[in-house]
């Protein structure tokens, strides 16, 4: 005795939605990273920045993943200042004009 196809329609819809969601996530990640894959297994160059943090920040976020993002963010800000895009990289040994005045240091906002 066969299974009526109407009983399998919900399963087909669920599997189809998983496929649509997967393709949508893949496309959105590629779009946000300018067509490049995500940064994984970052080497020492990506982790070169040093900073101080307190444990209170880590406890309020609920995970330690923000630590990795800060390291990557520093190198990506440098890439932004050199090339104008977050993921762009330059092989030019000389920094572009105006790079010396685009400091990564942010000024504090005044209290008064």
C-alpha atoms as a PDB file:
ATOM      1  CA  UNK A   1       0.000   0.000   0.000  1.00  0.00           C
ATOM      2  CA  UNK A   2       1.453   3.323  -1.034  1.00  0.00           C
ATOM      3  CA  UNK A   3       1.702   6.559   0.885  1.00  0.00           C
ATOM      4  CA  UNK A   4      -0.503   9.344  -0.439  1.00  0.00           C
ATOM      5  CA  UNK A   5       1.554  12.223  -1.758  1.00  0.00           C
ATOM      6  CA  UNK A   6      -0.442  14.704   0.335  1.00  0.00           C
ATOM      7  CA  UNK A   7       1.218  13.267   3.458  1.00  0.00           C
ATOM      8  CA  UNK A   8       4.674  14.039   2.044  1.00  0.00           C
ATOM      9  CA  UNK A   9       3.944  17.646   1.023  1.00  0.00           C
ATOM     10  CA  UNK A  10       4.797  19.160   4.441  1.00  0.00           C
ATOM     11  CA  UNK A  11       8.144  17.343   4.433  1.00  0.00           C
ATOM     12  CA  UNK A  12       8.882  18.648   0.956  1.00  0.00           C
ATOM     13  CA  UNK A  13       8.047  22.186   2.049  1.00  0.00           C
ATOM     14  CA  UNK A  14      10.288  21.892   5.123  1.00  0.00           C
ATOM     15  CA  UNK A  15      13.230  20.557   3.089  1.00  0.00           C
ATOM     16  CA  UNK A  16      12.665  23.286   0.501  1.00  0.00           C
ATOM     17  CA  UNK A  17      12.701  25.998   3.171  1.00  0.00           C
ATOM     18  CA  UNK A  18      15.988  24.650   4.550  1.00  0.00           C
ATOM     19  CA  UNK A  19      17.425  24.929   1.038  1.00  0.00           C
ATOM     20  CA  UNK A  20      16.094  28.457   0.532  1.00  0.00           C
ATOM     21  CA  UNK A  21      17.437  29.534   3.930  1.00  0.00           C
ATOM     22  CA  UNK A  22      20.867  28.034   3.237  1.00  0.00           C
ATOM     23  CA  UNK A  23      21.149  29.721  -0.144  1.00  0.00           C
ATOM     24  CA  UNK A  24      19.957  33.023   1.348  1.00  0.00           C
ATOM     25  CA  UNK A  25      22.517  32.920   4.167  1.00  0.00           C
ATOM     26  CA  UNK A  26      25.295  32.006   1.732  1.00  0.00           C
ATOM     27  CA  UNK A  27      24.360  34.843  -0.630  1.00  0.00           C
ATOM     28  CA  UNK A  28      24.062  37.428   2.149  1.00  0.00           C
ATOM     29  CA  UNK A  29      27.453  36.486   3.637  1.00  0.00           C
ATOM     30  CA  UNK A  30      29.120  36.665   0.228  1.00  0.00           C
ATOM     31  CA  UNK A  31      27.458  40.021  -0.459  1.00  0.00           C
ATOM     32  CA  UNK A  32      28.566  41.510   2.875  1.00  0.00           C
ATOM     33  CA  UNK A  33      32.157  40.265   2.394  1.00  0.00           C
ATOM     34  CA  UNK A  34      32.437  41.735  -1.121  1.00  0.00           C
ATOM     35  CA  UNK A  35      32.248  38.327  -2.806  1.00  0.00           C
ATOM     36  CA  UNK A  36      34.973  36.766  -0.664  1.00  0.00           C
ATOM     37  CA  UNK A  37      34.679  33.945   1.828  1.00  0.00           C
ATOM     38  CA  UNK A  38      34.599  34.629   5.567  1.00  0.00           C
ATOM     39  CA  UNK A  39      37.885  34.979   7.434  1.00  0.00           C
ATOM     40  CA  UNK A  40      38.710  31.681   9.158  1.00  0.00           C
ATOM     41  CA  UNK A  41      41.917  30.443  10.805  1.00  0.00           C
ATOM     42  CA  UNK A  42      43.453  33.864  11.110  1.00  0.00           C
ATOM     43  CA  UNK A  43      47.222  33.890  11.340  1.00  0.00           C
ATOM     44  CA  UNK A  44      49.448  35.983  13.598  1.00  0.00           C
ATOM     45  CA  UNK A  45      49.203  38.967  11.244  1.00  0.00           C
ATOM     46  CA  UNK A  46      45.469  39.202  11.868  1.00  0.00           C
ATOM     47  CA  UNK A  47      45.993  38.853  15.615  1.00  0.00           C
ATOM     48  CA  UNK A  48      48.740  41.440  15.964  1.00  0.00           C
ATOM     49  CA  UNK A  49      46.832  44.111  17.866  1.00  0.00           C
ATOM     50  CA  UNK A  50      47.069  44.274  21.627  1.00  0.00           C
ATOM     51  CA  UNK A  51      44.393  45.682  23.893  1.00  0.00           C
ATOM     52  CA  UNK A  52      43.102  45.428  27.419  1.00  0.00           C
ATOM     53  CA  UNK A  53      39.674  44.204  28.430  1.00  0.00           C
ATOM     54  CA  UNK A  54      37.899  43.394  31.627  1.00  0.00           C
ATOM     55  CA  UNK A  55      35.963  40.239  32.420  1.00  0.00           C
ATOM     56  CA  UNK A  56      32.777  42.223  32.992  1.00  0.00           C
ATOM     57  CA  UNK A  57      32.392  42.825  29.255  1.00  0.00           C
ATOM     58  CA  UNK A  58      32.768  39.140  28.490  1.00  0.00           C
ATOM     59  CA  UNK A  59      30.190  38.162  31.081  1.00  0.00           C
ATOM     60  CA  UNK A  60      27.610  40.626  29.776  1.00  0.00           C
ATOM     61  CA  UNK A  61      27.925  39.419  26.169  1.00  0.00           C
ATOM     62  CA  UNK A  62      27.480  35.785  27.138  1.00  0.00           C
ATOM     63  CA  UNK A  63      30.311  34.428  24.982  1.00  0.00           C
ATOM     64  CA  UNK A  64      33.959  35.017  24.226  1.00  0.00           C
ATOM     65  CA  UNK A  65      33.460  35.289  20.448  1.00  0.00           C
ATOM     66  CA  UNK A  66      33.678  39.084  20.546  1.00  0.00           C
ATOM     67  CA  UNK A  67      37.383  38.738  21.424  1.00  0.00           C
ATOM     68  CA  UNK A  68      38.164  37.245  18.011  1.00  0.00           C
ATOM     69  CA  UNK A  69      36.077  39.896  16.285  1.00  0.00           C
ATOM     70  CA  UNK A  70      38.055  42.738  17.872  1.00  0.00           C
ATOM     71  CA  UNK A  71      41.343  41.294  16.615  1.00  0.00           C
ATOM     72  CA  UNK A  72      40.010  40.943  13.085  1.00  0.00           C
ATOM     73  CA  UNK A  73      38.333  44.336  13.217  1.00  0.00           C
ATOM     74  CA  UNK A  74      41.672  46.107  13.806  1.00  0.00           C
ATOM     75  CA  UNK A  75      43.211  44.668  10.652  1.00  0.00           C
ATOM     76  CA  UNK A  76      40.019  45.300   8.696  1.00  0.00           C
ATOM     77  CA  UNK A  77      40.021  48.960   9.779  1.00  0.00           C
ATOM     78  CA  UNK A  78      43.558  49.243   8.433  1.00  0.00           C
ATOM     79  CA  UNK A  79      42.389  47.678   5.156  1.00  0.00           C
ATOM     80  CA  UNK A  80      39.508  50.168   5.054  1.00  0.00           C
ATOM     81  CA  UNK A  81      41.842  53.111   5.512  1.00  0.00           C
ATOM     82  CA  UNK A  82      44.210  51.857   2.786  1.00  0.00           C
ATOM     83  CA  UNK A  83      41.797  50.616   0.113  1.00  0.00           C
ATOM     84  CA  UNK A  84      38.430  52.108   1.027  1.00  0.00           C
ATOM     85  CA  UNK A  85      36.733  48.726   1.542  1.00  0.00           C
ATOM     86  CA  UNK A  86      36.593  46.411   4.571  1.00  0.00           C
ATOM     87  CA  UNK A  87      37.911  43.359   2.731  1.00  0.00           C
ATOM     88  CA  UNK A  88      40.134  45.057   0.171  1.00  0.00           C
ATOM     89  CA  UNK A  89      43.867  44.465   0.271  1.00  0.00           C
ATOM     90  CA  UNK A  90      46.681  46.292  -1.451  1.00  0.00           C
ATOM     91  CA  UNK A  91      50.063  45.002  -2.621  1.00  0.00           C
ATOM     92  CA  UNK A  92      51.404  48.540  -2.981  1.00  0.00           C
ATOM     93  CA  UNK A  93      54.480  48.924  -0.698  1.00  0.00           C
ATOM     94  CA  UNK A  94      53.834  52.651  -0.288  1.00  0.00           C
ATOM     95  CA  UNK A  95      50.790  53.819   1.656  1.00  0.00           C
ATOM     96  CA  UNK A  96      48.349  55.945  -0.352  1.00  0.00           C
ATOM     97  CA  UNK A  97      48.222  59.683  -0.005  1.00  0.00           C
ATOM     98  CA  UNK A  98      46.227  60.718   3.053  1.00  0.00           C
ATOM     99  CA  UNK A  99      46.916  57.494   4.962  1.00  0.00           C
ATOM    100  CA  UNK A 100      49.163  59.306   7.425  1.00  0.00           C
ATOM    101  CA  UNK A 101      46.308  61.543   8.554  1.00  0.00           C
ATOM    102  CA  UNK A 102      43.606  58.861   8.753  1.00  0.00           C
ATOM    103  CA  UNK A 103      44.506  57.664  12.214  1.00  0.00           C
ATOM    104  CA  UNK A 104      42.739  54.620  13.671  1.00  0.00           C
ATOM    105  CA  UNK A 105      42.668  56.273  17.090  1.00  0.00           C
ATOM    106  CA  UNK A 106      39.230  57.535  17.966  1.00  0.00           C
ATOM    107  CA  UNK A 107      38.775  60.691  20.009  1.00  0.00           C
ATOM    108  CA  UNK A 108      36.773  60.586  23.192  1.00  0.00           C
ATOM    109  CA  UNK A 109      33.484  62.408  23.239  1.00  0.00           C
ATOM    110  CA  UNK A 110      33.295  65.356  25.576  1.00  0.00           C
ATOM    111  CA  UNK A 111      31.263  64.949  28.744  1.00  0.00           C
ATOM    112  CA  UNK A 112      30.178  68.553  28.961  1.00  0.00           C
END
